[in-house]
Amino acid sequence: MPSLLEQVRVVLYEPQKAVNIAGTVRAMANMGVSRLRLVRPTPYDENLIEVVAHKTRDIVAAIEHFDTLDAAIGDCVRVVGFTGRPRAAKWPRMTPREAAEHLLGYAADGPVAVMFGREDDGLPGEAMDRAHAEVTIPTTERASLNVAQAVLVGLYELHLASGDATRALPRNRNHAPPPEAKELENLFGDAERALEALDFFKTRNPDHVMRSVRSLVFRARPDARETGMLRSMCFEVLRTIERIQRRVGEG
């Protein structure tokens, strides 16, 4: 039976040092994960990567490059971002062990992503906005970890958890797969347009409101069918406003 680890995508957001890309590749080889995605990485030499990460030609040859984070995670049904910084928004927060079990629970339905940020400043707010949950590695007050070290911790927990994650549980008759990240982004766009049409942002900051909406949706974990239903609600709000505006204009 194929390992659920085949569904794991490691995403490095703007890595600045080739040695950390190499360290990540080595951690992936150690823990049975083979798919690495890089968003706007520093230039690097594949041969030098293999000097640090021995016998990883298969992983290095399969590295994918992306110009945007949305493109890198667009096909993933669950995304977690590793960060050591607390956020004002009430984002779901997990330990690496909790995140591993959480991600493997979704892996049967599609790719899942573990996302790591830049060496100097981690994942920026707009990148963390794309994560369905945030993961914090328990440390002392010295919370900053090397990127490759953080990757190793996250993949280690996934490697351990996958040993018991191959038992398929029966699903209820109303089961629907989780939405892909791009479907959730479409929902947030529809919700923002509906709220704008209602003049909801008149006295509120749109960025703050939409960040709270994202947090709420990610904590609720809607499936693909529920996500479509929420989008339909937004469409109906817009259509109703358009009908009322036409009637007022005709009157």
C-alpha atoms as a PDB file:
ATOM      1  CA  MET A   1       0.000   0.000   0.000  1.00  0.00           C
ATOM      2  CA  PRO A   2       1.501   3.430  -0.939  1.00  0.00           C
ATOM      3  CA  SER A   3       2.680   5.551   1.980  1.00  0.00           C
ATOM      4  CA  LEU A   4       0.677   8.642   2.840  1.00  0.00           C
ATOM      5  CA  LEU A   5       4.010  10.463   2.964  1.00  0.00           C
ATOM      6  CA  GLU A   6       3.902  10.503  -0.842  1.00  0.00           C
ATOM      7  CA  GLN A   7       1.191  13.150  -0.492  1.00  0.00           C
ATOM      8  CA  VAL A   8       3.360  15.494   1.601  1.00  0.00           C
ATOM      9  CA  ARG A   9       4.744  18.609  -0.099  1.00  0.00           C
ATOM     10  CA  VAL A  10       7.522  20.574   1.609  1.00  0.00           C
ATOM     11  CA  VAL A  11       7.238  24.252   0.658  1.00  0.00           C
ATOM     12  CA  LEU A  12      10.119  26.664   1.289  1.00  0.00           C
ATOM     13  CA  TYR A  13       9.097  30.299   0.913  1.00  0.00           C
ATOM     14  CA  GLU A  14      11.932  32.435  -0.492  1.00  0.00           C
ATOM     15  CA  PRO A  15      14.845  30.394   0.930  1.00  0.00           C
ATOM     16  CA  GLN A  16      17.928  32.609   1.038  1.00  0.00           C
ATOM     17  CA  LYS A  17      20.714  30.061   1.502  1.00  0.00           C
ATOM     18  CA  ALA A  18      21.445  27.051  -0.687  1.00  0.00           C
ATOM     19  CA  VAL A  19      22.770  25.153   2.332  1.00  0.00           C
ATOM     20  CA  ASN A  20      19.293  25.210   3.872  1.00  0.00           C
ATOM     21  CA  ILE A  21      17.778  23.853   0.676  1.00  0.00           C
ATOM     22  CA  ALA A  22      20.362  21.068   0.873  1.00  0.00           C
ATOM     23  CA  GLY A  23      19.614  20.451   4.551  1.00  0.00           C
ATOM     24  CA  THR A  24      15.918  20.264   3.746  1.00  0.00           C
ATOM     25  CA  VAL A  25      16.542  17.729   0.984  1.00  0.00           C
ATOM     26  CA  ARG A  26      18.594  15.610   3.375  1.00  0.00           C
ATOM     27  CA  ALA A  27      15.850  15.718   6.021  1.00  0.00           C
ATOM     28  CA  MET A  28      13.309  14.697   3.394  1.00  0.00           C
ATOM     29  CA  ALA A  29      15.425  11.723   2.341  1.00  0.00           C
ATOM     30  CA  ASN A  30      15.818  10.664   5.985  1.00  0.00           C
ATOM     31  CA  MET A  31      12.078  10.839   6.649  1.00  0.00           C
ATOM     32  CA  GLY A  32      10.633   9.385   3.458  1.00  0.00           C
ATOM     33  CA  VAL A  33       9.298  12.583   1.852  1.00  0.00           C
ATOM     34  CA  SER A  34      10.238  13.286  -1.762  1.00  0.00           C
ATOM     35  CA  ARG A  35       8.413  16.372  -3.063  1.00  0.00           C
ATOM     36  CA  LEU A  36      10.001  19.797  -2.515  1.00  0.00           C
ATOM     37  CA  ARG A  37       8.509  23.060  -3.779  1.00  0.00           C
ATOM     38  CA  LEU A  38      10.498  26.314  -3.749  1.00  0.00           C
ATOM     39  CA  VAL A  39       8.945  29.777  -3.989  1.00  0.00           C
ATOM     40  CA  ARG A  40      11.364  32.351  -5.404  1.00  0.00           C
ATOM     41  CA  PRO A  41      14.515  30.639  -4.045  1.00  0.00           C
ATOM     42  CA  THR A  42      18.050  31.950  -4.098  1.00  0.00           C
ATOM     43  CA  PRO A  43      20.032  30.632  -7.098  1.00  0.00           C
ATOM     44  CA  TYR A  44      21.642  27.287  -6.288  1.00  0.00           C
ATOM     45  CA  ASP A  45      23.708  24.555  -7.928  1.00  0.00           C
ATOM     46  CA  GLU A  46      22.055  21.134  -7.891  1.00  0.00           C
ATOM     47  CA  ASN A  47      25.458  19.434  -7.702  1.00  0.00           C
ATOM     48  CA  LEU A  48      26.340  21.375  -4.556  1.00  0.00           C
ATOM     49  CA  ILE A  49      23.003  20.389  -3.016  1.00  0.00           C
ATOM     50  CA  GLU A  50      23.975  16.756  -3.447  1.00  0.00           C
ATOM     51  CA  VAL A  51      27.369  17.357  -1.843  1.00  0.00           C
ATOM     52  CA  VAL A  52      25.532  18.163   1.390  1.00  0.00           C
ATOM     53  CA  ALA A  53      22.602  15.789   0.834  1.00  0.00           C
ATOM     54  CA  HIS A  54      24.247  12.597  -0.406  1.00  0.00           C
ATOM     55  CA  LYS A  55      22.376  10.179  -2.666  1.00  0.00           C
ATOM     56  CA  THR A  56      19.361  12.457  -3.169  1.00  0.00           C
ATOM     57  CA  ARG A  57      19.437  12.837  -6.961  1.00  0.00           C
ATOM     58  CA  ASP A  58      15.805  11.664  -7.213  1.00  0.00           C
ATOM     59  CA  ILE A  59      14.564  14.341  -4.795  1.00  0.00           C
ATOM     60  CA  VAL A  60      16.709  17.115  -6.279  1.00  0.00           C
ATOM     61  CA  ALA A  61      15.632  16.261  -9.837  1.00  0.00           C
ATOM     62  CA  ALA A  62      11.971  16.540  -8.809  1.00  0.00           C
ATOM     63  CA  ILE A  63      12.245  19.981  -7.121  1.00  0.00           C
ATOM     64  CA  GLU A  64       9.523  22.340  -8.387  1.00  0.00           C
ATOM     65  CA  HIS A  65       9.897  26.128  -8.629  1.00  0.00           C
ATOM     66  CA  PHE A  66       7.084  28.666  -8.305  1.00  0.00           C
ATOM     67  CA  ASP A  67       6.780  32.421  -8.674  1.00  0.00           C
ATOM     68  CA  THR A  68       3.953  32.686  -6.123  1.00  0.00           C
ATOM     69  CA  LEU A  69       2.963  30.894  -2.950  1.00  0.00           C
ATOM     70  CA  ASP A  70      -0.606  30.484  -4.201  1.00  0.00           C
ATOM     71  CA  ALA A  71       0.682  28.495  -7.174  1.00  0.00           C
ATOM     72  CA  ALA A  72       2.872  26.345  -4.937  1.00  0.00           C
ATOM     73  CA  ILE A  73       0.011  25.271  -2.641  1.00  0.00           C
ATOM     74  CA  GLY A  74      -2.948  25.616  -4.992  1.00  0.00           C
ATOM     75  CA  ASP A  75      -3.582  21.861  -5.318  1.00  0.00           C
ATOM     76  CA  CYS A  76      -3.126  21.091  -1.600  1.00  0.00           C
ATOM     77  CA  VAL A  77      -6.141  20.143   0.497  1.00  0.00           C
ATOM     78  CA  ARG A  78      -4.451  21.140   3.774  1.00  0.00           C
ATOM     79  CA  VAL A  79      -1.608  23.562   4.478  1.00  0.00           C
ATOM     80  CA  VAL A  80       0.199  24.249   7.761  1.00  0.00           C
ATOM     81  CA  GLY A  81       2.773  26.988   8.297  1.00  0.00           C
ATOM     82  CA  PHE A  82       5.632  26.669  10.782  1.00  0.00           C
ATOM     83  CA  THR A  83       6.215  29.838  12.811  1.00  0.00           C
ATOM     84  CA  GLY A  84       7.649  30.842  16.165  1.00  0.00           C
ATOM     85  CA  ARG A  85       5.746  34.123  16.365  1.00  0.00           C
ATOM     86  CA  PRO A  86       2.303  34.539  17.957  1.00  0.00           C
ATOM     87  CA  ARG A  87      -0.423  36.134  15.823  1.00  0.00           C
ATOM     88  CA  ALA A  88      -3.190  38.521  16.799  1.00  0.00           C
ATOM     89  CA  ALA A  89      -5.760  36.540  14.798  1.00  0.00           C
ATOM     90  CA  LYS A  90      -7.167  33.363  16.393  1.00  0.00           C
ATOM     91  CA  TRP A  91      -5.508  30.916  13.997  1.00  0.00           C
ATOM     92  CA  PRO A  92      -5.642  27.193  14.815  1.00  0.00           C
ATOM     93  CA  ARG A  93      -2.296  26.382  16.479  1.00  0.00           C
ATOM     94  CA  MET A  94      -0.682  22.955  16.754  1.00  0.00           C
ATOM     95  CA  THR A  95       2.484  21.229  17.846  1.00  0.00           C
ATOM     96  CA  PRO A  96       4.413  19.319  15.154  1.00  0.00           C
ATOM     97  CA  ARG A  97       2.967  16.033  16.478  1.00  0.00           C
ATOM     98  CA  GLU A  98      -0.595  17.319  16.319  1.00  0.00           C
ATOM     99  CA  ALA A  99       0.031  18.739  12.857  1.00  0.00           C
ATOM    100  CA  ALA A 100       1.381  15.401  11.608  1.00  0.00           C
ATOM    101  CA  GLU A 101      -1.757  13.519  12.641  1.00  0.00           C
ATOM    102  CA  HIS A 102      -3.907  16.326  11.283  1.00  0.00           C
ATOM    103  CA  LEU A 103      -2.230  16.369   7.859  1.00  0.00           C
ATOM    104  CA  LEU A 104      -2.202  12.602   7.449  1.00  0.00           C
ATOM    105  CA  GLY A 105      -5.937  12.620   8.110  1.00  0.00           C
ATOM    106  CA  TYR A 106      -6.325  14.679   4.922  1.00  0.00           C
ATOM    107  CA  ALA A 107      -3.611  12.992   2.830  1.00  0.00           C
ATOM    108  CA  ALA A 108      -5.932  10.320   1.434  1.00  0.00           C
ATOM    109  CA  ASP A 109      -7.863  13.089  -0.348  1.00  0.00           C
ATOM    110  CA  GLY A 110      -4.960  14.953  -1.954  1.00  0.00           C
ATOM    111  CA  PRO A 111      -1.590  16.649  -1.399  1.00  0.00           C
ATOM    112  CA  VAL A 112      -0.890  18.292   1.958  1.00  0.00           C
ATOM    113  CA  ALA A 113       1.770  20.932   2.553  1.00  0.00           C
ATOM    114  CA  VAL A 114       4.179  21.874   5.328  1.00  0.00           C
ATOM    115  CA  MET A 115       5.346  25.447   4.760  1.00  0.00           C
ATOM    116  CA  PHE A 116       8.496  27.145   6.074  1.00  0.00           C
ATOM    117  CA  GLY A 117       9.667  30.756   5.735  1.00  0.00           C
ATOM    118  CA  ARG A 118      12.782  32.800   5.095  1.00  0.00           C
ATOM    119  CA  GLU A 119      15.894  32.406   7.228  1.00  0.00           C
ATOM    120  CA  ASP A 120      15.870  36.049   8.362  1.00  0.00           C
ATOM    121  CA  ASP A 121      12.205  36.607   9.158  1.00  0.00           C
ATOM    122  CA  GLY A 122      10.177  33.424   8.772  1.00  0.00           C
ATOM    123  CA  LEU A 123       6.805  33.410   7.032  1.00  0.00           C
ATOM    124  CA  PRO A 124       5.308  36.905   6.490  1.00  0.00           C
ATOM    125  CA  GLY A 125       1.699  37.601   7.450  1.00  0.00           C
ATOM    126  CA  GLU A 126       0.355  37.277   3.915  1.00  0.00           C
ATOM    127  CA  ALA A 127       1.966  33.838   3.623  1.00  0.00           C
ATOM    128  CA  MET A 128       0.592  32.686   6.984  1.00  0.00           C
ATOM    129  CA  ASP A 129      -2.842  33.847   5.802  1.00  0.00           C
ATOM    130  CA  ARG A 130      -2.708  30.926   3.344  1.00  0.00           C
ATOM    131  CA  ALA A 131      -2.030  28.370   6.085  1.00  0.00           C
ATOM    132  CA  HIS A 132      -5.062  26.550   7.444  1.00  0.00           C
ATOM    133  CA  ALA A 133      -3.250  26.174  10.781  1.00  0.00           C
ATOM    134  CA  GLU A 134       0.021  27.344  12.304  1.00  0.00           C
ATOM    135  CA  VAL A 135       2.591  25.033  13.863  1.00  0.00           C
ATOM    136  CA  THR A 136       4.964  26.063  16.637  1.00  0.00           C
ATOM    137  CA  ILE A 137       7.884  23.867  17.684  1.00  0.00           C
ATOM    138  CA  PRO A 138       8.198  23.858  21.492  1.00  0.00           C
ATOM    139  CA  THR A 139      11.555  25.404  22.471  1.00  0.00           C
ATOM    140  CA  THR A 140      13.138  27.488  25.205  1.00  0.00           C
ATOM    141  CA  GLU A 141      12.904  31.290  25.046  1.00  0.00           C
ATOM    142  CA  ARG A 142      15.399  31.001  22.162  1.00  0.00           C
ATOM    143  CA  ALA A 143      12.701  30.110  19.675  1.00  0.00           C
ATOM    144  CA  SER A 144      14.518  30.691  16.388  1.00  0.00           C
ATOM    145  CA  LEU A 145      15.455  27.484  14.554  1.00  0.00           C
ATOM    146  CA  ASN A 146      17.456  26.894  11.410  1.00  0.00           C
ATOM    147  CA  VAL A 147      15.073  26.224   8.511  1.00  0.00           C
ATOM    148  CA  ALA A 148      16.427  22.736   7.831  1.00  0.00           C
ATOM    149  CA  GLN A 149      16.189  21.913  11.553  1.00  0.00           C
ATOM    150  CA  ALA A 150      12.536  22.959  11.604  1.00  0.00           C
ATOM    151  CA  VAL A 151      11.864  20.872   8.495  1.00  0.00           C
ATOM    152  CA  LEU A 152      13.484  17.844  10.135  1.00  0.00           C
ATOM    153  CA  VAL A 153      11.333  18.188  13.268  1.00  0.00           C
ATOM    154  CA  GLY A 154       8.142  18.490  11.225  1.00  0.00           C
ATOM    155  CA  LEU A 155       8.968  15.579   8.923  1.00  0.00           C
ATOM    156  CA  TYR A 156      10.123  13.398  11.814  1.00  0.00           C
ATOM    157  CA  GLU A 157       6.668  13.630  13.377  1.00  0.00           C
ATOM    158  CA  LEU A 158       5.036  12.900  10.012  1.00  0.00           C
ATOM    159  CA  HIS A 159       7.327   9.897   9.547  1.00  0.00           C
ATOM    160  CA  LEU A 160       6.381   8.471  12.934  1.00  0.00           C
ATOM    161  CA  ALA A 161       2.669   9.180  12.555  1.00  0.00           C
ATOM    162  CA  SER A 162       2.493   7.595   9.108  1.00  0.00           C
ATOM    163  CA  GLY A 163       3.244   4.183  10.593  1.00  0.00           C
ATOM    164  CA  ASP A 164      -0.310   3.999  11.967  1.00  0.00           C
ATOM    165  CA  ALA A 165      -1.969   6.206   9.380  1.00  0.00           C
ATOM    166  CA  THR A 166      -2.495   3.585   6.671  1.00  0.00           C
ATOM    167  CA  ARG A 167      -5.608   2.045   8.256  1.00  0.00           C
ATOM    168  CA  ALA A 168      -8.567   3.349   6.274  1.00  0.00           C
ATOM    169  CA  LEU A 169     -11.616   4.230   8.373  1.00  0.00           C
ATOM    170  CA  PRO A 170     -15.087   3.937   6.872  1.00  0.00           C
ATOM    171  CA  ARG A 171     -16.565   7.263   5.790  1.00  0.00           C
ATOM    172  CA  ASN A 172     -20.121   8.361   6.286  1.00  0.00           C
ATOM    173  CA  ARG A 173     -22.432   8.555   3.285  1.00  0.00           C
ATOM    174  CA  ASN A 174     -22.289  12.359   3.229  1.00  0.00           C
ATOM    175  CA  HIS A 175     -18.500  12.461   3.007  1.00  0.00           C
ATOM    176  CA  ALA A 176     -17.022  15.096   0.718  1.00  0.00           C
ATOM    177  CA  PRO A 177     -13.314  15.717   0.157  1.00  0.00           C
ATOM    178  CA  PRO A 178     -11.663  18.784   1.679  1.00  0.00           C
ATOM    179  CA  PRO A 179     -11.455  21.840  -0.588  1.00  0.00           C
ATOM    180  CA  GLU A 180      -8.250  22.670  -2.410  1.00  0.00           C
ATOM    181  CA  ALA A 181      -6.473  25.845  -1.312  1.00  0.00           C
ATOM    182  CA  LYS A 182      -7.511  27.640  -4.513  1.00  0.00           C
ATOM    183  CA  GLU A 183     -11.184  26.857  -3.789  1.00  0.00           C
ATOM    184  CA  LEU A 184     -10.873  28.464  -0.371  1.00  0.00           C
ATOM    185  CA  GLU A 185      -9.233  31.521  -1.941  1.00  0.00           C
ATOM    186  CA  ASN A 186     -12.214  31.777  -4.318  1.00  0.00           C
ATOM    187  CA  LEU A 187     -14.536  31.646  -1.306  1.00  0.00           C
ATOM    188  CA  PHE A 188     -12.672  34.462   0.450  1.00  0.00           C
ATOM    189  CA  GLY A 189     -12.816  36.578  -2.704  1.00  0.00           C
ATOM    190  CA  ASP A 190     -16.579  36.001  -3.021  1.00  0.00           C
ATOM    191  CA  ALA A 191     -17.116  36.800   0.668  1.00  0.00           C
ATOM    192  CA  GLU A 192     -15.162  40.042   0.396  1.00  0.00           C
ATOM    193  CA  ARG A 193     -17.198  41.147  -2.644  1.00  0.00           C
ATOM    194  CA  ALA A 194     -20.459  40.340  -0.854  1.00  0.00           C
ATOM    195  CA  LEU A 195     -19.435  42.247   2.268  1.00  0.00           C
ATOM    196  CA  GLU A 196     -18.334  45.196   0.168  1.00  0.00           C
ATOM    197  CA  ALA A 197     -21.703  45.219  -1.622  1.00  0.00           C
ATOM    198  CA  LEU A 198     -23.411  45.295   1.793  1.00  0.00           C
ATOM    199  CA  ASP A 199     -21.227  48.302   2.723  1.00  0.00           C
ATOM    200  CA  PHE A 200     -19.909  46.249   5.643  1.00  0.00           C
ATOM    201  CA  PHE A 201     -16.449  47.823   5.337  1.00  0.00           C
ATOM    202  CA  LYS A 202     -17.782  51.355   5.737  1.00  0.00           C
ATOM    203  CA  THR A 203     -16.535  51.605   9.320  1.00  0.00           C
ATOM    204  CA  ARG A 204     -14.264  48.533   9.403  1.00  0.00           C
ATOM    205  CA  ASN A 205     -10.814  47.690   8.089  1.00  0.00           C
ATOM    206  CA  PRO A 206     -11.279  45.196   5.201  1.00  0.00           C
ATOM    207  CA  ASP A 207      -7.951  43.463   5.831  1.00  0.00           C
ATOM    208  CA  HIS A 208      -8.759  42.883   9.494  1.00  0.00           C
ATOM    209  CA  VAL A 209     -12.265  41.637   8.709  1.00  0.00           C
ATOM    210  CA  MET A 210     -11.090  39.220   6.022  1.00  0.00           C
ATOM    211  CA  ARG A 211      -8.320  37.914   8.250  1.00  0.00           C
ATOM    212  CA  SER A 212     -10.952  37.077  10.856  1.00  0.00           C
ATOM    213  CA  VAL A 213     -13.096  35.425   8.168  1.00  0.00           C
ATOM    214  CA  ARG A 214     -10.111  33.298   7.119  1.00  0.00           C
ATOM    215  CA  SER A 215      -9.436  32.323  10.722  1.00  0.00           C
ATOM    216  CA  LEU A 216     -13.069  31.333  11.236  1.00  0.00           C
ATOM    217  CA  VAL A 217     -13.218  29.224   8.063  1.00  0.00           C
ATOM    218  CA  PHE A 218      -9.921  27.465   8.775  1.00  0.00           C
ATOM    219  CA  ARG A 219     -11.074  26.581  12.292  1.00  0.00           C
ATOM    220  CA  ALA A 220     -14.416  25.312  10.945  1.00  0.00           C
ATOM    221  CA  ARG A 221     -12.667  23.091   8.339  1.00  0.00           C
ATOM    222  CA  PRO A 222     -15.493  23.022   5.749  1.00  0.00           C
ATOM    223  CA  ASP A 223     -15.365  20.243   3.159  1.00  0.00           C
ATOM    224  CA  ALA A 224     -15.603  20.898  -0.585  1.00  0.00           C
ATOM    225  CA  ARG A 225     -19.411  20.665  -0.612  1.00  0.00           C
ATOM    226  CA  GLU A 226     -19.750  23.093   2.300  1.00  0.00           C
ATOM    227  CA  THR A 227     -17.260  25.478   0.685  1.00  0.00           C
ATOM    228  CA  GLY A 228     -19.389  25.492  -2.472  1.00  0.00           C
ATOM    229  CA  MET A 229     -22.505  26.174  -0.404  1.00  0.00           C
ATOM    230  CA  LEU A 230     -20.825  29.167   1.273  1.00  0.00           C
ATOM    231  CA  ARG A 231     -19.849  30.531  -2.139  1.00  0.00           C
ATOM    232  CA  SER A 232     -23.474  30.149  -3.277  1.00  0.00           C
ATOM    233  CA  MET A 233     -24.593  32.218  -0.290  1.00  0.00           C
ATOM    234  CA  CYS A 234     -22.211  34.980  -1.322  1.00  0.00           C
ATOM    235  CA  PHE A 235     -23.498  34.867  -4.904  1.00  0.00           C
ATOM    236  CA  GLU A 236     -27.091  35.116  -3.681  1.00  0.00           C
ATOM    237  CA  VAL A 237     -26.249  38.186  -1.587  1.00  0.00           C
ATOM    238  CA  LEU A 238     -24.797  39.892  -4.661  1.00  0.00           C
ATOM    239  CA  ARG A 239     -27.750  38.906  -6.876  1.00  0.00           C
ATOM    240  CA  THR A 240     -30.268  40.133  -4.310  1.00  0.00           C
ATOM    241  CA  ILE A 241     -28.529  43.497  -4.025  1.00  0.00           C
ATOM    242  CA  GLU A 242     -28.468  43.813  -7.814  1.00  0.00           C
ATOM    243  CA  ARG A 243     -32.233  43.082  -8.013  1.00  0.00           C
ATOM    244  CA  ILE A 244     -32.994  45.686  -5.359  1.00  0.00           C
ATOM    245  CA  GLN A 245     -30.825  48.266  -7.113  1.00  0.00           C
ATOM    246  CA  ARG A 246     -32.621  47.635 -10.425  1.00  0.00           C
ATOM    247  CA  ARG A 247     -36.022  48.049  -8.804  1.00  0.00           C
ATOM    248  CA  VAL A 248     -34.974  51.299  -7.171  1.00  0.00           C
ATOM    249  CA  GLY A 249     -33.637  52.545 -10.494  1.00  0.00           C
ATOM    250  CA  GLU A 250     -36.835  51.602 -12.328  1.00  0.00           C
ATOM    251  CA  GLY A 251     -38.977  53.238  -9.663  1.00  0.00           C
END
